[in-house]
PDB file of N, CA and C in Angstrom:
ATOM      1  N   MET A   1     -88.508  57.313  12.215  1.00  0.00           N
ATOM      2  CA  MET A   1     -88.136  56.301  11.051  1.00  0.00           C
ATOM      3  C   MET A   1     -88.075  54.664  11.526  1.00  0.00           C
ATOM      4  N   SER A   2     -88.796  53.593  10.385  1.00  0.00           N
ATOM      5  CA  SER A   2     -88.640  52.609  10.239  1.00  0.00           C
ATOM      6  C   SER A   2     -86.748  52.198  10.584  1.00  0.00           C
ATOM      7  N   GLU A   3     -86.600  50.537  10.821  1.00  0.00           N
ATOM      8  CA  GLU A   3     -85.085  50.608   9.973  1.00  0.00           C
ATOM      9  C   GLU A   3     -84.853  49.852   8.689  1.00  0.00           C
ATOM     10  N   GLY A   4     -86.091  49.930   8.421  1.00  0.00           N
ATOM     11  CA  GLY A   4     -86.317  49.604   6.587  1.00  0.00           C
ATOM     12  C   GLY A   4     -85.942  50.722   6.230  1.00  0.00           C
ATOM     13  N   GLU A   5     -86.674  52.108   6.846  1.00  0.00           N
ATOM     14  CA  GLU A   5     -86.405  53.598   5.864  1.00  0.00           C
ATOM     15  C   GLU A   5     -84.784  53.279   5.731  1.00  0.00           C
ATOM     16  N   VAL A   6     -83.844  53.576   7.385  1.00  0.00           N
ATOM     17  CA  VAL A   6     -83.156  54.051   7.575  1.00  0.00           C
ATOM     18  C   VAL A   6     -82.043  52.952   6.690  1.00  0.00           C
ATOM     19  N   PHE A   7     -81.909  52.070   6.813  1.00  0.00           N
ATOM     20  CA  PHE A   7     -80.741  51.082   5.847  1.00  0.00           C
ATOM     21  C   PHE A   7     -81.040  51.441   4.374  1.00  0.00           C
ATOM     22  N   GLU A   8     -82.564  51.703   3.565  1.00  0.00           N
ATOM     23  CA  GLU A   8     -82.286  52.347   2.439  1.00  0.00           C
ATOM     24  C   GLU A   8     -81.587  53.857   2.036  1.00  0.00           C
ATOM     25  N   VAL A   9     -81.849  54.249   3.102  1.00  0.00           N
ATOM     26  CA  VAL A   9     -81.214  55.738   3.233  1.00  0.00           C
ATOM     27  C   VAL A   9     -79.248  55.738   3.304  1.00  0.00           C
ATOM     28  N   LEU A  10     -78.940  54.673   4.164  1.00  0.00           N
ATOM     29  CA  LEU A  10     -77.921  54.341   4.021  1.00  0.00           C
ATOM     30  C   LEU A  10     -77.247  53.092   2.806  1.00  0.00           C
ATOM     31  N   ARG A  11     -78.084  53.058   2.341  1.00  0.00           N
ATOM     32  CA  ARG A  11     -77.920  52.437   0.549  1.00  0.00           C
ATOM     33  C   ARG A  11     -77.386  52.864  -0.071  1.00  0.00           C
ATOM     34  N   ALA A  12     -78.758  54.379  -0.193  1.00  0.00           N
ATOM     35  CA  ALA A  12     -78.738  55.558  -1.454  1.00  0.00           C
ATOM     36  C   ALA A  12     -77.144  55.853  -1.352  1.00  0.00           C
ATOM     37  N   HIS A  13     -77.336  56.931   0.450  1.00  0.00           N
ATOM     38  CA  HIS A  13     -75.890  57.753   0.250  1.00  0.00           C
ATOM     39  C   HIS A  13     -74.639  56.934   0.348  1.00  0.00           C
ATOM     40  N   LEU A  14     -73.949  55.680   0.564  1.00  0.00           N
ATOM     41  CA  LEU A  14     -73.372  54.343  -0.021  1.00  0.00           C
ATOM     42  C   LEU A  14     -73.136  54.332  -1.487  1.00  0.00           C
ATOM     43  N   TRP A  15     -74.117  54.255  -2.210  1.00  0.00           N
ATOM     44  CA  TRP A  15     -74.179  53.934  -2.958  1.00  0.00           C
ATOM     45  C   TRP A  15     -73.460  55.444  -4.071  1.00  0.00           C
ATOM     46  N   GLY A  16     -73.752  56.661  -3.530  1.00  0.00           N
ATOM     47  CA  GLY A  16     -74.154  57.883  -4.194  1.00  0.00           C
ATOM     48  C   GLY A  16     -71.996  58.299  -3.754  1.00  0.00           C
ATOM     49  N   ALA A  17     -71.511  58.019  -2.653  1.00  0.00           N
ATOM     50  CA  ALA A  17     -70.252  57.391  -2.146  1.00  0.00           C
ATOM     51  C   ALA A  17     -69.372  56.821  -3.544  1.00  0.00           C
ATOM     52  N   VAL A  18     -69.807  55.656  -3.782  1.00  0.00           N
ATOM     53  CA  VAL A  18     -69.247  54.783  -4.561  1.00  0.00           C
ATOM     54  C   VAL A  18     -69.027  55.474  -5.785  1.00  0.00           C
ATOM     55  N   LEU A  19     -70.411  56.543  -6.575  1.00  0.00           N
ATOM     56  CA  LEU A  19     -70.273  57.211  -7.619  1.00  0.00           C
ATOM     57  C   LEU A  19     -69.268  57.763  -8.104  1.00  0.00           C
ATOM     58  N   MET A  20     -69.238  59.279  -7.075  1.00  0.00           N
ATOM     59  CA  MET A  20     -68.355  59.932  -6.258  1.00  0.00           C
ATOM     60  C   MET A  20     -66.863  59.690  -6.357  1.00  0.00           C
ATOM     61  N   GLY A  21     -66.673  58.773  -6.231  1.00  0.00           N
ATOM     62  CA  GLY A  21     -65.160  58.813  -5.913  1.00  0.00           C
ATOM     63  C   GLY A  21     -65.342  57.552  -6.788  1.00  0.00           C
ATOM     64  N   LEU A  22     -65.795  56.797  -8.141  1.00  0.00           N
ATOM     65  CA  LEU A  22     -65.278  56.394  -9.085  1.00  0.00           C
ATOM     66  C   LEU A  22     -64.167  56.894 -10.024  1.00  0.00           C
ATOM     67  N   PRO A  23     -64.109  58.611 -10.487  1.00  0.00           N
ATOM     68  CA  PRO A  23     -63.997  58.562 -10.992  1.00  0.00           C
ATOM     69  C   PRO A  23     -62.737  59.110 -10.805  1.00  0.00           C
ATOM     70  N   ILE A  24     -62.315  59.438  -9.656  1.00  0.00           N
ATOM     71  CA  ILE A  24     -61.174  59.687  -9.206  1.00  0.00           C
ATOM     72  C   ILE A  24     -59.956  58.420  -9.474  1.00  0.00           C
ATOM     73  N   LEU A  25     -61.137  57.856  -9.035  1.00  0.00           N
ATOM     74  CA  LEU A  25     -60.119  55.693  -8.284  1.00  0.00           C
ATOM     75  C   LEU A  25     -60.020  55.176 -10.132  1.00  0.00           C
ATOM     76  N   ALA A  26     -60.847  55.920 -11.106  1.00  0.00           N
ATOM     77  CA  ALA A  26     -60.489  55.043 -12.549  1.00  0.00           C
ATOM     78  C   ALA A  26     -59.099  55.711 -13.130  1.00  0.00           C
ATOM     79  N   ALA A  27     -59.267  56.968 -12.552  1.00  0.00           N
ATOM     80  CA  ALA A  27     -58.254  58.207 -13.462  1.00  0.00           C
ATOM     81  C   ALA A  27     -56.666  57.297 -12.799  1.00  0.00           C
ATOM     82  N   ALA A  28     -57.376  57.250 -11.716  1.00  0.00           N
ATOM     83  CA  ALA A  28     -55.911  56.557 -10.726  1.00  0.00           C
ATOM     84  C   ALA A  28     -55.046  55.208 -11.389  1.00  0.00           C
ATOM     85  N   LEU A  29     -55.847  54.972 -11.439  1.00  0.00           N
ATOM     86  CA  LEU A  29     -55.846  53.082 -12.134  1.00  0.00           C
ATOM     87  C   LEU A  29     -55.398  53.596 -12.919  1.00  0.00           C
ATOM     88  N   ILE A  30     -55.441  54.230 -14.213  1.00  0.00           N
ATOM     89  CA  ILE A  30     -55.145  54.360 -15.724  1.00  0.00           C
ATOM     90  C   ILE A  30     -53.905  54.844 -15.647  1.00  0.00           C
ATOM     91  N   VAL A  31     -53.685  55.708 -14.546  1.00  0.00           N
ATOM     92  CA  VAL A  31     -52.661  56.057 -15.178  1.00  0.00           C
ATOM     93  C   VAL A  31     -51.249  55.252 -14.417  1.00  0.00           C
ATOM     94  N   GLY A  32     -52.052  54.917 -12.882  1.00  0.00           N
ATOM     95  CA  GLY A  32     -50.850  53.869 -12.504  1.00  0.00           C
ATOM     96  C   GLY A  32     -50.637  52.318 -13.099  1.00  0.00           C
ATOM     97  N   PHE A  33     -51.149  51.730 -14.530  1.00  0.00           N
ATOM     98  CA  PHE A  33     -51.152  50.890 -15.373  1.00  0.00           C
ATOM     99  C   PHE A  33     -50.739  51.496 -15.941  1.00  0.00           C
ATOM    100  N   ILE A  34     -51.000  52.390 -16.757  1.00  0.00           N
ATOM    101  CA  ILE A  34     -49.778  53.197 -18.185  1.00  0.00           C
ATOM    102  C   ILE A  34     -48.427  52.833 -17.588  1.00  0.00           C
ATOM    103  N   ILE A  35     -47.890  54.362 -16.522  1.00  0.00           N
ATOM    104  CA  ILE A  35     -46.426  54.332 -16.212  1.00  0.00           C
ATOM    105  C   ILE A  35     -46.225  52.845 -15.318  1.00  0.00           C
ATOM    106  N   GLY A  36     -47.546  52.076 -15.013  1.00  0.00           N
ATOM    107  CA  GLY A  36     -45.984  50.655 -14.465  1.00  0.00           C
ATOM    108  C   GLY A  36     -45.807  50.179 -15.871  1.00  0.00           C
ATOM    109  N   LEU A  37     -46.633  50.201 -16.328  1.00  0.00           N
ATOM    110  CA  LEU A  37     -45.940  49.709 -18.127  1.00  0.00           C
ATOM    111  C   LEU A  37     -45.183  49.818 -18.838  1.00  0.00           C
ATOM    112  N   LEU A  38     -45.358  51.396 -18.753  1.00  0.00           N
ATOM    113  CA  LEU A  38     -43.362  52.333 -19.162  1.00  0.00           C
ATOM    114  C   LEU A  38     -42.957  51.532 -18.222  1.00  0.00           C
ATOM    115  N   GLN A  39     -42.516  51.402 -16.858  1.00  0.00           N
ATOM    116  CA  GLN A  39     -41.774  50.907 -16.229  1.00  0.00           C
ATOM    117  C   GLN A  39     -41.181  49.558 -16.334  1.00  0.00           C
ATOM    118  N   ALA A  40     -41.926  48.875 -16.722  1.00  0.00           N
ATOM    119  CA  ALA A  40     -41.430  47.355 -16.876  1.00  0.00           C
ATOM    120  C   ALA A  40     -40.557  47.151 -18.669  1.00  0.00           C
ATOM    121  N   LEU A  41     -41.580  48.323 -19.141  1.00  0.00           N
ATOM    122  CA  LEU A  41     -40.781  47.996 -20.290  1.00  0.00           C
ATOM    123  C   LEU A  41     -39.435  49.155 -20.838  1.00  0.00           C
ATOM    124  N   THR A  42     -38.653  49.618 -20.184  1.00  0.00           N
ATOM    125  CA  THR A  42     -38.018  49.850 -19.603  1.00  0.00           C
ATOM    126  C   THR A  42     -36.386  50.354 -18.759  1.00  0.00           C
ATOM    127  N   SER A  43     -37.472  49.143 -17.904  1.00  0.00           N
ATOM    128  CA  SER A  43     -36.781  48.915 -16.280  1.00  0.00           C
ATOM    129  C   SER A  43     -36.581  50.059 -15.282  1.00  0.00           C
ATOM    130  N   ILE A  44     -37.465  51.058 -15.901  1.00  0.00           N
ATOM    131  CA  ILE A  44     -37.255  52.115 -14.880  1.00  0.00           C
ATOM    132  C   ILE A  44     -37.825  52.568 -13.454  1.00  0.00           C
ATOM    133  N   GLN A  45     -36.644  51.854 -11.692  1.00  0.00           N
ATOM    134  CA  GLN A  45     -38.212  52.148 -11.131  1.00  0.00           C
ATOM    135  C   GLN A  45     -37.494  52.647 -10.196  1.00  0.00           C
ATOM    136  N   GLU A  46     -38.640  54.160 -10.616  1.00  0.00           N
ATOM    137  CA  GLU A  46     -38.255  55.505 -10.250  1.00  0.00           C
ATOM    138  C   GLU A  46     -39.588  55.707  -8.775  1.00  0.00           C
ATOM    139  N   MET A  47     -39.475  55.937  -8.048  1.00  0.00           N
ATOM    140  CA  MET A  47     -40.716  55.818  -7.003  1.00  0.00           C
ATOM    141  C   MET A  47     -42.062  56.837  -7.449  1.00  0.00           C
ATOM    142  N   THR A  48     -41.096  57.796  -7.397  1.00  0.00           N
ATOM    143  CA  THR A  48     -41.231  59.058  -8.053  1.00  0.00           C
ATOM    144  C   THR A  48     -42.107  59.700  -9.251  1.00  0.00           C
ATOM    145  N   LEU A  49     -41.860  58.453 -10.438  1.00  0.00           N
ATOM    146  CA  LEU A  49     -42.085  58.512 -11.550  1.00  0.00           C
ATOM    147  C   LEU A  49     -43.536  58.150 -11.582  1.00  0.00           C
ATOM    148  N   THR A  50     -43.745  56.999  -9.841  1.00  0.00           N
ATOM    149  CA  THR A  50     -45.262  57.040 -10.113  1.00  0.00           C
ATOM    150  C   THR A  50     -46.210  57.498  -9.758  1.00  0.00           C
ATOM    151  N   PHE A  51     -45.807  58.625  -8.454  1.00  0.00           N
ATOM    152  CA  PHE A  51     -46.289  59.038  -7.657  1.00  0.00           C
ATOM    153  C   PHE A  51     -46.881  60.854  -8.310  1.00  0.00           C
ATOM    154  N   ILE A  52     -45.788  61.315  -8.562  1.00  0.00           N
ATOM    155  CA  ILE A  52     -46.078  62.408  -9.392  1.00  0.00           C
ATOM    156  C   ILE A  52     -47.728  62.169 -10.492  1.00  0.00           C
ATOM    157  N   PRO A  53     -47.355  61.476 -12.154  1.00  0.00           N
ATOM    158  CA  PRO A  53     -48.414  61.748 -12.480  1.00  0.00           C
ATOM    159  C   PRO A  53     -49.682  61.289 -12.240  1.00  0.00           C
ATOM    160  N   LYS A  54     -49.755  60.515 -10.495  1.00  0.00           N
ATOM    161  CA  LYS A  54     -51.095  59.757 -10.442  1.00  0.00           C
ATOM    162  C   LYS A  54     -51.739  61.449  -9.413  1.00  0.00           C
ATOM    163  N   VAL A  55     -50.513  61.757  -8.238  1.00  0.00           N
ATOM    164  CA  VAL A  55     -51.476  62.941  -8.144  1.00  0.00           C
ATOM    165  C   VAL A  55     -52.081  63.579  -9.454  1.00  0.00           C
ATOM    166  N   LEU A  56     -51.181  64.809 -10.451  1.00  0.00           N
ATOM    167  CA  LEU A  56     -51.986  64.640 -11.387  1.00  0.00           C
ATOM    168  C   LEU A  56     -53.257  64.272 -12.076  1.00  0.00           C
ATOM    169  N   ALA A  57     -52.914  63.676 -11.979  1.00  0.00           N
ATOM    170  CA  ALA A  57     -54.406  62.725 -12.556  1.00  0.00           C
ATOM    171  C   ALA A  57     -55.744  62.800 -11.935  1.00  0.00           C
ATOM    172  N   VAL A  58     -55.142  63.113 -10.690  1.00  0.00           N
ATOM    173  CA  VAL A  58     -56.272  63.290  -9.559  1.00  0.00           C
ATOM    174  C   VAL A  58     -57.040  63.816  -9.687  1.00  0.00           C
ATOM    175  N   VAL A  59     -56.733  65.206  -9.124  1.00  0.00           N
ATOM    176  CA  VAL A  59     -55.300  66.398  -9.061  1.00  0.00           C
ATOM    177  C   VAL A  59     -56.874  67.179 -10.682  1.00  0.00           C
ATOM    178  N   VAL A  60     -56.557  66.504 -12.165  1.00  0.00           N
ATOM    179  CA  VAL A  60     -57.301  67.241 -12.863  1.00  0.00           C
ATOM    180  C   VAL A  60     -58.568  66.462 -12.890  1.00  0.00           C
ATOM    181  N   VAL A  61     -59.309  65.401 -12.393  1.00  0.00           N
ATOM    182  CA  VAL A  61     -60.122  64.091 -13.048  1.00  0.00           C
ATOM    183  C   VAL A  61     -60.798  64.977 -11.478  1.00  0.00           C
ATOM    184  N   PHE A  62     -60.122  65.616 -10.438  1.00  0.00           N
ATOM    185  CA  PHE A  62     -61.342  65.990  -9.215  1.00  0.00           C
ATOM    186  C   PHE A  62     -61.836  67.336  -9.995  1.00  0.00           C
ATOM    187  N   PHE A  63     -61.066  68.821 -10.742  1.00  0.00           N
ATOM    188  CA  PHE A  63     -61.562  69.467 -10.917  1.00  0.00           C
ATOM    189  C   PHE A  63     -62.258  69.208 -11.383  1.00  0.00           C
ATOM    190  N   LEU A  64     -62.327  68.487 -12.948  1.00  0.00           N
ATOM    191  CA  LEU A  64     -63.145  68.598 -13.776  1.00  0.00           C
ATOM    192  C   LEU A  64     -64.639  67.090 -13.591  1.00  0.00           C
ATOM    193  N   SER A  65     -64.887  66.836 -12.203  1.00  0.00           N
ATOM    194  CA  SER A  65     -65.759  66.100 -12.068  1.00  0.00           C
ATOM    195  C   SER A  65     -66.606  66.008 -11.187  1.00  0.00           C
ATOM    196  N   LEU A  66     -65.920  67.793 -10.401  1.00  0.00           N
ATOM    197  CA  LEU A  66     -66.303  68.573  -9.351  1.00  0.00           C
ATOM    198  C   LEU A  66     -68.703  68.833  -9.763  1.00  0.00           C
ATOM    199  N   GLY A  67     -68.717  69.019 -10.823  1.00  0.00           N
ATOM    200  CA  GLY A  67     -69.948  69.437 -11.020  1.00  0.00           C
ATOM    201  C   GLY A  67     -70.674  68.009 -11.013  1.00  0.00           C
ATOM    202  N   TYR A  68     -70.286  67.301 -11.883  1.00  0.00           N
ATOM    203  CA  TYR A  68     -70.320  65.931 -11.093  1.00  0.00           C
ATOM    204  C   TYR A  68     -70.745  65.200 -10.342  1.00  0.00           C
ATOM    205  N   MET A  69     -69.768  65.433  -9.150  1.00  0.00           N
ATOM    206  CA  MET A  69     -70.240  65.664  -7.611  1.00  0.00           C
ATOM    207  C   MET A  69     -70.896  65.963  -6.562  1.00  0.00           C
ATOM    208  N   THR A  70     -71.223  67.574  -7.352  1.00  0.00           N
ATOM    209  CA  THR A  70     -71.569  68.011  -6.375  1.00  0.00           C
ATOM    210  C   THR A  70     -74.126  67.919  -6.466  1.00  0.00           C
ATOM    211  N   ARG A  71     -73.205  67.220  -8.098  1.00  0.00           N
ATOM    212  CA  ARG A  71     -75.099  67.448  -8.809  1.00  0.00           C
ATOM    213  C   ARG A  71     -76.188  65.816  -7.843  1.00  0.00           C
ATOM    214  N   ILE A  72     -74.774  64.673  -7.387  1.00  0.00           N
ATOM    215  CA  ILE A  72     -74.825  63.450  -6.993  1.00  0.00           C
ATOM    216  C   ILE A  72     -74.845  64.259  -5.599  1.00  0.00           C
ATOM    217  N   CYS A  73     -74.196  65.215  -5.045  1.00  0.00           N
ATOM    218  CA  CYS A  73     -74.980  65.776  -3.254  1.00  0.00           C
ATOM    219  C   CYS A  73     -75.930  65.814  -3.779  1.00  0.00           C
ATOM    220  N   LEU A  74     -76.375  66.685  -4.133  1.00  0.00           N
ATOM    221  CA  LEU A  74     -77.739  67.127  -4.041  1.00  0.00           C
ATOM    222  C   LEU A  74     -78.760  66.491  -4.687  1.00  0.00           C
ATOM    223  N   ASP A  75     -78.364  65.959  -5.758  1.00  0.00           N
ATOM    224  CA  ASP A  75     -79.659  64.707  -5.702  1.00  0.00           C
ATOM    225  C   ASP A  75     -80.241  63.988  -4.373  1.00  0.00           C
ATOM    226  N   LEU A  76     -78.718  63.681  -3.442  1.00  0.00           N
ATOM    227  CA  LEU A  76     -79.045  62.791  -2.300  1.00  0.00           C
ATOM    228  C   LEU A  76     -80.017  63.795  -1.003  1.00  0.00           C
ATOM    229  N   PHE A  77     -79.562  64.910  -1.216  1.00  0.00           N
ATOM    230  CA  PHE A  77     -80.389  65.517   0.095  1.00  0.00           C
ATOM    231  C   PHE A  77     -81.447  66.494  -0.385  1.00  0.00           C
ATOM    232  N   ASN A  78     -81.666  66.092  -1.971  1.00  0.00           N
ATOM    233  CA  ASN A  78     -83.121  66.652  -2.432  1.00  0.00           C
ATOM    234  C   ASN A  78     -84.208  65.772  -2.047  1.00  0.00           C
ATOM    235  N   ASN A  79     -83.459  64.161  -2.432  1.00  0.00           N
ATOM    236  CA  ASN A  79     -84.337  62.710  -2.537  1.00  0.00           C
ATOM    237  C   ASN A  79     -84.593  62.350  -1.504  1.00  0.00           C
ATOM    238  N   TRP A  80     -83.490  62.716  -0.171  1.00  0.00           N
ATOM    239  CA  TRP A  80     -83.156  61.732   0.675  1.00  0.00           C
ATOM    240  C   TRP A  80     -83.641  62.467   2.196  1.00  0.00           C
ATOM    241  N   VAL A  81     -82.341  63.252   2.094  1.00  0.00           N
ATOM    242  CA  VAL A  81     -82.784  64.470   3.414  1.00  0.00           C
ATOM    243  C   VAL A  81     -83.945  64.726   3.991  1.00  0.00           C
ATOM    244  N   LEU A  82     -83.965  65.680   2.582  1.00  0.00           N
ATOM    245  CA  LEU A  82     -85.025  66.816   2.481  1.00  0.00           C
ATOM    246  C   LEU A  82     -86.015  65.768   3.378  1.00  0.00           C
ATOM    247  N   PRO A  83     -86.962  65.732   2.992  1.00  0.00           N
ATOM    248  CA  PRO A  83     -88.406  64.774   3.184  1.00  0.00           C
ATOM    249  C   PRO A  83     -88.205  63.560   4.192  1.00  0.00           C
ATOM    250  N   ILE A  84     -86.668  63.758   4.978  1.00  0.00           N
ATOM    251  CA  ILE A  84     -86.455  62.806   6.104  1.00  0.00           C
ATOM    252  C   ILE A  84     -87.175  64.264   7.142  1.00  0.00           C
ATOM    253  N   ILE A  85     -86.986  65.462   6.808  1.00  0.00           N
ATOM    254  CA  ILE A  85     -86.323  66.615   7.909  1.00  0.00           C
ATOM    255  C   ILE A  85     -87.780  66.601   7.776  1.00  0.00           C
ATOM    256  N   ALA A  86     -88.262  67.059   6.537  1.00  0.00           N
ATOM    257  CA  ALA A  86     -89.574  67.697   6.391  1.00  0.00           C
ATOM    258  C   ALA A  86     -91.136  66.600   7.177  1.00  0.00           C
ATOM    259  N   GLY A  87     -90.886  65.389   7.647  1.00  0.00           N
ATOM    260  CA  GLY A  87     -91.444  64.267   7.737  1.00  0.00           C
ATOM    261  C   GLY A  87     -92.665  63.684   6.948  1.00  0.00           C
TER     262      GLY A  87
END
């Protein structure tokens, strides 16, 4: 493998990691923003109020997007790893 091919494979896999992490990070961001807004409006500054809903949202979104993440992993494996192994 040449240096350019190594960088292309690395770029594809890093982009796949970004795509796999995007739904979970988006859910945490949205829930955190909503809870922060509610805390600012009600002046309640409880730390567990932000932590528990974020964790629940991340777990729910993780299980809902598991098929999507698996498809990305399989596409990366079939399109990049298997051709390298086959030569």
